[in-house]
Amino acid sequence: MKLRTTLSAIKSNWKGWRTKRKIVVLESDDWGSVRMPSKEIENKVIEAGFPIVNRPHERFDALESAQDFEALFE
């Protein structure tokens, strides 16, 4: 019976949800976590020998600026 219920749910959701609206989804799993607070700190970390070049979470982590939000809302 459990298999039948599972297969029924899969069948009813097979095509997924669709819309013509434009939707922006903001997702975060580390609210408040700032790994690189400034370019100066990033340079110090690299100079200290930590291999952050291949780690995008450390390389591109930053707080949003007012310009970031303006660009998003445009």
N, C-alpha and C. Protein backbone atom coordinates (compact mmCIF):
# COMPACT_ATOMS: atom_id res chain seq x y z
N MET A 1 0.83 -1.20 0.00
CA MET A 1 0.00 0.00 0.00
C MET A 1 0.87 1.26 0.00
N LYS A 2 1.99 1.21 0.73
CA LYS A 2 2.87 2.37 0.78
C LYS A 2 3.46 2.66 -0.60
N LEU A 3 3.81 1.63 -1.34
CA LEU A 3 4.35 1.79 -2.69
C LEU A 3 3.31 2.44 -3.59
N ARG A 4 2.07 2.02 -3.49
CA ARG A 4 1.00 2.57 -4.32
C ARG A 4 0.82 4.07 -4.01
N THR A 5 0.86 4.42 -2.74
CA THR A 5 0.72 5.82 -2.34
C THR A 5 1.89 6.65 -2.88
N THR A 6 3.09 6.12 -2.77
CA THR A 6 4.28 6.82 -3.26
C THR A 6 4.21 7.01 -4.76
N LEU A 7 3.85 5.97 -5.49
CA LEU A 7 3.74 6.08 -6.94
C LEU A 7 2.65 7.05 -7.35
N SER A 8 1.57 7.09 -6.62
CA SER A 8 0.49 8.02 -6.90
C SER A 8 0.96 9.47 -6.72
N ALA A 9 1.73 9.72 -5.67
CA ALA A 9 2.26 11.07 -5.43
C ALA A 9 3.24 11.47 -6.54
N ILE A 10 4.06 10.55 -6.96
CA ILE A 10 5.02 10.83 -8.04
C ILE A 10 4.27 11.16 -9.32
N LYS A 11 3.24 10.39 -9.62
CA LYS A 11 2.47 10.61 -10.85
C LYS A 11 1.79 11.97 -10.84
N SER A 12 1.22 12.36 -9.70
CA SER A 12 0.49 13.62 -9.64
C SER A 12 1.42 14.83 -9.69
N ASN A 13 2.68 14.65 -9.30
CA ASN A 13 3.63 15.76 -9.32
C ASN A 13 4.64 15.66 -10.46
N TRP A 14 4.45 14.78 -11.39
CA TRP A 14 5.43 14.50 -12.43
C TRP A 14 5.79 15.74 -13.25
N LYS A 15 4.80 16.50 -13.68
CA LYS A 15 5.07 17.66 -14.52
C LYS A 15 5.59 18.85 -13.71
N GLY A 16 5.37 18.85 -12.43
CA GLY A 16 5.85 19.94 -11.60
C GLY A 16 4.96 21.16 -11.69
N TRP A 17 5.36 22.18 -10.97
CA TRP A 17 4.61 23.42 -10.90
C TRP A 17 5.19 24.40 -11.92
N ARG A 18 4.35 25.10 -12.65
CA ARG A 18 4.81 26.03 -13.67
C ARG A 18 4.08 27.35 -13.53
N THR A 19 4.76 28.42 -13.94
CA THR A 19 4.15 29.74 -13.95
C THR A 19 4.82 30.58 -15.02
N LYS A 20 4.13 31.60 -15.50
CA LYS A 20 4.71 32.52 -16.46
C LYS A 20 5.30 33.75 -15.75
N ARG A 21 5.06 33.85 -14.45
CA ARG A 21 5.60 34.99 -13.70
C ARG A 21 7.11 34.84 -13.53
N LYS A 22 7.79 35.98 -13.37
CA LYS A 22 9.21 35.97 -13.07
C LYS A 22 9.34 35.99 -11.55
N ILE A 23 10.03 35.01 -11.01
CA ILE A 23 10.17 34.87 -9.57
C ILE A 23 11.65 34.84 -9.21
N VAL A 24 12.03 35.63 -8.21
CA VAL A 24 13.39 35.62 -7.70
C VAL A 24 13.37 34.88 -6.38
N VAL A 25 14.23 33.88 -6.25
CA VAL A 25 14.32 33.10 -5.02
C VAL A 25 15.67 33.39 -4.38
N LEU A 26 15.63 33.85 -3.14
CA LEU A 26 16.85 34.09 -2.38
C LEU A 26 16.97 32.96 -1.37
N GLU A 27 18.07 32.26 -1.42
CA GLU A 27 18.26 31.12 -0.52
C GLU A 27 19.59 31.27 0.19
N SER A 28 19.58 30.97 1.47
CA SER A 28 20.82 31.04 2.23
C SER A 28 20.80 29.96 3.30
N ASP A 29 21.95 29.39 3.52
CA ASP A 29 22.06 28.39 4.59
C ASP A 29 23.05 28.84 5.66
N ASP A 30 23.51 30.09 5.57
CA ASP A 30 24.47 30.57 6.55
C ASP A 30 24.20 32.02 6.95
N TRP A 31 22.99 32.28 7.39
CA TRP A 31 22.60 33.64 7.77
C TRP A 31 23.59 34.19 8.79
N GLY A 32 24.17 35.34 8.46
CA GLY A 32 25.07 36.01 9.38
C GLY A 32 26.51 35.55 9.32
N SER A 33 26.81 34.56 8.52
CA SER A 33 28.18 34.06 8.43
C SER A 33 28.93 34.89 7.39
N VAL A 34 29.99 35.54 7.81
CA VAL A 34 30.82 36.30 6.89
C VAL A 34 32.22 35.72 6.96
N ARG A 35 32.63 35.06 5.92
CA ARG A 35 33.94 34.41 5.92
C ARG A 35 35.04 35.39 5.56
N MET A 36 34.78 36.26 4.60
CA MET A 36 35.77 37.25 4.16
C MET A 36 35.16 38.64 4.29
N PRO A 37 35.38 39.30 5.41
CA PRO A 37 34.75 40.61 5.61
C PRO A 37 35.32 41.72 4.73
N SER A 38 36.52 41.53 4.17
CA SER A 38 37.09 42.56 3.30
C SER A 38 38.14 41.94 2.37
N LYS A 39 38.49 42.69 1.34
CA LYS A 39 39.52 42.24 0.41
C LYS A 39 40.87 42.14 1.13
N GLU A 40 41.09 43.03 2.09
CA GLU A 40 42.34 43.01 2.87
C GLU A 40 42.49 41.69 3.63
N ILE A 41 41.43 41.24 4.25
CA ILE A 41 41.46 39.97 4.99
C ILE A 41 41.68 38.82 4.02
N GLU A 42 41.02 38.87 2.88
CA GLU A 42 41.20 37.80 1.88
C GLU A 42 42.67 37.71 1.47
N ASN A 43 43.29 38.85 1.21
CA ASN A 43 44.71 38.85 0.83
C ASN A 43 45.59 38.28 1.94
N LYS A 44 45.28 38.61 3.19
CA LYS A 44 46.06 38.07 4.31
C LYS A 44 45.92 36.55 4.41
N VAL A 45 44.72 36.06 4.18
CA VAL A 45 44.47 34.61 4.23
C VAL A 45 45.26 33.91 3.12
N ILE A 46 45.26 34.49 1.93
CA ILE A 46 46.01 33.91 0.80
C ILE A 46 47.50 33.95 1.10
N GLU A 47 47.99 35.08 1.63
CA GLU A 47 49.42 35.20 1.96
C GLU A 47 49.84 34.21 3.05
N ALA A 48 48.91 33.87 3.94
CA ALA A 48 49.21 32.91 5.01
C ALA A 48 49.27 31.48 4.49
N GLY A 49 48.91 31.29 3.22
CA GLY A 49 49.04 29.97 2.61
C GLY A 49 47.79 29.11 2.60
N PHE A 50 46.64 29.70 2.94
CA PHE A 50 45.40 28.92 2.90
C PHE A 50 44.89 28.86 1.46
N PRO A 51 44.59 27.67 0.96
CA PRO A 51 44.22 27.50 -0.46
C PRO A 51 42.76 27.86 -0.74
N ILE A 52 42.41 29.14 -0.66
CA ILE A 52 41.01 29.51 -0.89
C ILE A 52 40.69 29.76 -2.36
N VAL A 53 41.70 29.70 -3.21
CA VAL A 53 41.49 29.99 -4.64
C VAL A 53 40.45 29.06 -5.24
N ASN A 54 40.43 27.80 -4.84
CA ASN A 54 39.49 26.83 -5.40
C ASN A 54 38.25 26.64 -4.54
N ARG A 55 38.03 27.51 -3.59
CA ARG A 55 36.87 27.40 -2.70
C ARG A 55 35.95 28.60 -2.91
N PRO A 56 34.92 28.46 -3.72
CA PRO A 56 34.07 29.61 -4.04
C PRO A 56 33.36 30.21 -2.83
N HIS A 57 33.05 29.39 -1.82
CA HIS A 57 32.38 29.94 -0.65
C HIS A 57 33.26 30.96 0.07
N GLU A 58 34.55 30.74 0.09
CA GLU A 58 35.44 31.68 0.72
C GLU A 58 35.81 32.83 -0.22
N ARG A 59 35.97 32.55 -1.49
CA ARG A 59 36.40 33.58 -2.45
C ARG A 59 35.32 34.62 -2.71
N PHE A 60 34.07 34.20 -2.80
CA PHE A 60 33.02 35.12 -3.23
C PHE A 60 32.04 35.50 -2.13
N ASP A 61 32.33 35.14 -0.90
CA ASP A 61 31.44 35.48 0.21
C ASP A 61 31.55 36.97 0.51
N ALA A 62 30.42 37.64 0.66
CA ALA A 62 30.43 39.07 0.97
C ALA A 62 29.05 39.49 1.46
N LEU A 63 29.02 40.62 2.12
CA LEU A 63 27.75 41.21 2.50
C LEU A 63 27.22 42.02 1.33
N GLU A 64 25.91 42.08 1.20
CA GLU A 64 25.31 42.82 0.11
C GLU A 64 25.46 44.32 0.35
N SER A 65 25.62 45.06 -0.72
CA SER A 65 25.68 46.51 -0.62
C SER A 65 24.36 47.09 -1.12
N ALA A 66 24.19 48.38 -0.92
CA ALA A 66 22.98 49.04 -1.43
C ALA A 66 22.90 48.90 -2.95
N GLN A 67 24.05 48.97 -3.63
CA GLN A 67 24.07 48.82 -5.08
C GLN A 67 23.64 47.41 -5.50
N ASP A 68 23.99 46.40 -4.70
CA ASP A 68 23.57 45.04 -5.00
C ASP A 68 22.05 44.94 -5.00
N PHE A 69 21.41 45.53 -3.98
CA PHE A 69 19.96 45.48 -3.89
C PHE A 69 19.30 46.30 -5.01
N GLU A 70 19.87 47.45 -5.34
CA GLU A 70 19.32 48.26 -6.43
C GLU A 70 19.37 47.49 -7.73
N ALA A 71 20.48 46.81 -8.01
CA ALA A 71 20.61 46.02 -9.23
C ALA A 71 19.60 44.87 -9.23
N LEU A 72 19.40 44.25 -8.09
CA LEU A 72 18.44 43.15 -7.98
C LEU A 72 17.02 43.63 -8.29
N PHE A 73 16.64 44.78 -7.75
CA PHE A 73 15.27 45.25 -7.92
C PHE A 73 15.03 45.88 -9.29
N GLU A 74 16.10 46.22 -10.01
CA GLU A 74 15.92 46.71 -11.38
C GLU A 74 15.47 45.56 -12.26
